[in-house]
Amino acid sequence: MKYLLLLIVCWVGYTLWRQGRREAIHASHARQQAAPKGRLPQPMVQCAHCGLHLPQADALSAADHRYYCCDGHRKAGPK
């Protein structure tokens, strides 16, 4: 009789442990799937002076339609 009771207690503990793990895994998957949706890919451009690749939104453009990574490189011009 005591072995049956021990078996039931172990089974209930295992079931609760598995349920907690499933909820934790589901929550981590939900966080991973929600994060990338807010960030869209951005077009990348290359600095005409040093060749550094950077997002177009962060680059400085000149009158000749070239992109630069900083104002110093924009003033220096293409290499």
C-alpha atoms as a PDB file:
ATOM      1  CA  MET A   1       0.000   0.000   0.000  1.00  0.00           C
ATOM      2  CA  LYS A   2       2.764   2.468   0.875  1.00  0.00           C
ATOM      3  CA  TYR A   3       4.504   1.744  -2.461  1.00  0.00           C
ATOM      4  CA  LEU A   4       1.293   2.584  -4.320  1.00  0.00           C
ATOM      5  CA  LEU A   5       1.037   5.865  -2.414  1.00  0.00           C
ATOM      6  CA  LEU A   6       4.696   6.622  -3.166  1.00  0.00           C
ATOM      7  CA  LEU A   7       4.128   5.854  -6.839  1.00  0.00           C
ATOM      8  CA  ILE A   8       1.109   8.199  -6.980  1.00  0.00           C
ATOM      9  CA  VAL A   9       3.037  11.010  -5.274  1.00  0.00           C
ATOM     10  CA  CYS A  10       5.940  10.582  -7.718  1.00  0.00           C
ATOM     11  CA  TRP A  11       3.566  10.544 -10.685  1.00  0.00           C
ATOM     12  CA  VAL A  12       1.804  13.745  -9.530  1.00  0.00           C
ATOM     13  CA  GLY A  13       5.182  15.450  -8.971  1.00  0.00           C
ATOM     14  CA  TYR A  14       6.423  14.394 -12.404  1.00  0.00           C
ATOM     15  CA  THR A  15       3.203  15.624 -14.053  1.00  0.00           C
ATOM     16  CA  LEU A  16       3.447  19.014 -12.350  1.00  0.00           C
ATOM     17  CA  TRP A  17       7.129  19.295 -13.294  1.00  0.00           C
ATOM     18  CA  ARG A  18       6.387  18.488 -16.962  1.00  0.00           C
ATOM     19  CA  GLN A  19       3.538  21.013 -17.068  1.00  0.00           C
ATOM     20  CA  GLY A  20       5.820  23.737 -15.670  1.00  0.00           C
ATOM     21  CA  ARG A  21       8.492  22.929 -18.270  1.00  0.00           C
ATOM     22  CA  ARG A  22       5.942  23.057 -21.101  1.00  0.00           C
ATOM     23  CA  GLU A  23       4.723  26.471 -19.969  1.00  0.00           C
ATOM     24  CA  ALA A  24       8.303  27.763 -19.696  1.00  0.00           C
ATOM     25  CA  ILE A  25       9.171  26.476 -23.169  1.00  0.00           C
ATOM     26  CA  HIS A  26       5.980  27.956 -24.617  1.00  0.00           C
ATOM     27  CA  ALA A  27       6.723  31.337 -23.009  1.00  0.00           C
ATOM     28  CA  SER A  28      10.288  31.384 -24.345  1.00  0.00           C
ATOM     29  CA  HIS A  29       9.086  30.522 -27.858  1.00  0.00           C
ATOM     30  CA  ALA A  30       6.495  33.300 -27.672  1.00  0.00           C
ATOM     31  CA  ARG A  31       9.195  35.827 -26.672  1.00  0.00           C
ATOM     32  CA  GLN A  32      11.483  34.687 -29.486  1.00  0.00           C
ATOM     33  CA  GLN A  33       8.745  34.944 -32.096  1.00  0.00           C
ATOM     34  CA  ALA A  34       7.514  38.353 -30.906  1.00  0.00           C
ATOM     35  CA  ALA A  35      10.918  40.072 -30.908  1.00  0.00           C
ATOM     36  CA  PRO A  36      11.873  39.882 -34.621  1.00  0.00           C
ATOM     37  CA  LYS A  37       8.481  41.143 -35.836  1.00  0.00           C
ATOM     38  CA  GLY A  38       9.205  44.704 -34.666  1.00  0.00           C
ATOM     39  CA  ARG A  39      12.474  44.973 -36.564  1.00  0.00           C
ATOM     40  CA  LEU A  40      12.372  45.000 -40.346  1.00  0.00           C
ATOM     41  CA  PRO A  41      15.451  44.536 -42.517  1.00  0.00           C
ATOM     42  CA  GLN A  42      17.079  47.768 -43.627  1.00  0.00           C
ATOM     43  CA  PRO A  43      18.919  48.420 -46.878  1.00  0.00           C
ATOM     44  CA  MET A  44      22.687  48.493 -46.380  1.00  0.00           C
ATOM     45  CA  VAL A  45      25.051  50.938 -48.118  1.00  0.00           C
ATOM     46  CA  GLN A  46      28.813  51.189 -48.319  1.00  0.00           C
ATOM     47  CA  CYS A  47      30.842  54.231 -47.296  1.00  0.00           C
ATOM     48  CA  ALA A  48      32.438  55.680 -50.442  1.00  0.00           C
ATOM     49  CA  HIS A  49      35.579  56.605 -48.487  1.00  0.00           C
ATOM     50  CA  CYS A  50      36.428  53.637 -46.218  1.00  0.00           C
ATOM     51  CA  GLY A  51      34.129  50.875 -47.503  1.00  0.00           C
ATOM     52  CA  LEU A  52      32.279  50.343 -44.208  1.00  0.00           C
ATOM     53  CA  HIS A  53      28.801  48.810 -44.627  1.00  0.00           C
ATOM     54  CA  LEU A  54      26.074  50.453 -42.552  1.00  0.00           C
ATOM     55  CA  PRO A  55      22.269  50.842 -42.616  1.00  0.00           C
ATOM     56  CA  GLN A  56      21.090  53.456 -45.087  1.00  0.00           C
ATOM     57  CA  ALA A  57      19.164  55.233 -42.315  1.00  0.00           C
ATOM     58  CA  ASP A  58      22.444  55.837 -40.404  1.00  0.00           C
ATOM     59  CA  ALA A  59      24.501  56.900 -43.428  1.00  0.00           C
ATOM     60  CA  LEU A  60      25.169  60.440 -44.593  1.00  0.00           C
ATOM     61  CA  SER A  61      24.461  61.121 -48.259  1.00  0.00           C
ATOM     62  CA  ALA A  62      26.255  63.627 -50.440  1.00  0.00           C
ATOM     63  CA  ALA A  63      25.099  65.568 -53.483  1.00  0.00           C
ATOM     64  CA  ASP A  64      26.679  62.963 -55.789  1.00  0.00           C
ATOM     65  CA  HIS A  65      24.340  60.265 -54.353  1.00  0.00           C
ATOM     66  CA  ARG A  66      27.158  58.496 -52.491  1.00  0.00           C
ATOM     67  CA  TYR A  67      26.916  57.445 -48.879  1.00  0.00           C
ATOM     68  CA  TYR A  68      29.405  58.065 -46.070  1.00  0.00           C
ATOM     69  CA  CYS A  69      29.715  56.730 -42.516  1.00  0.00           C
ATOM     70  CA  CYS A  70      30.683  60.065 -40.910  1.00  0.00           C
ATOM     71  CA  ASP A  71      30.965  63.765 -41.695  1.00  0.00           C
ATOM     72  CA  GLY A  72      34.765  63.593 -41.905  1.00  0.00           C
ATOM     73  CA  HIS A  73      34.614  60.997 -44.657  1.00  0.00           C
ATOM     74  CA  ARG A  74      31.882  62.962 -46.461  1.00  0.00           C
ATOM     75  CA  LYS A  75      34.110  66.040 -46.461  1.00  0.00           C
ATOM     76  CA  ALA A  76      37.143  64.009 -47.602  1.00  0.00           C
ATOM     77  CA  GLY A  77      35.195  62.562 -50.542  1.00  0.00           C
ATOM     78  CA  PRO A  78      35.497  59.180 -52.213  1.00  0.00           C
ATOM     79  CA  LYS A  79      38.748  57.279 -52.056  1.00  0.00           C
END
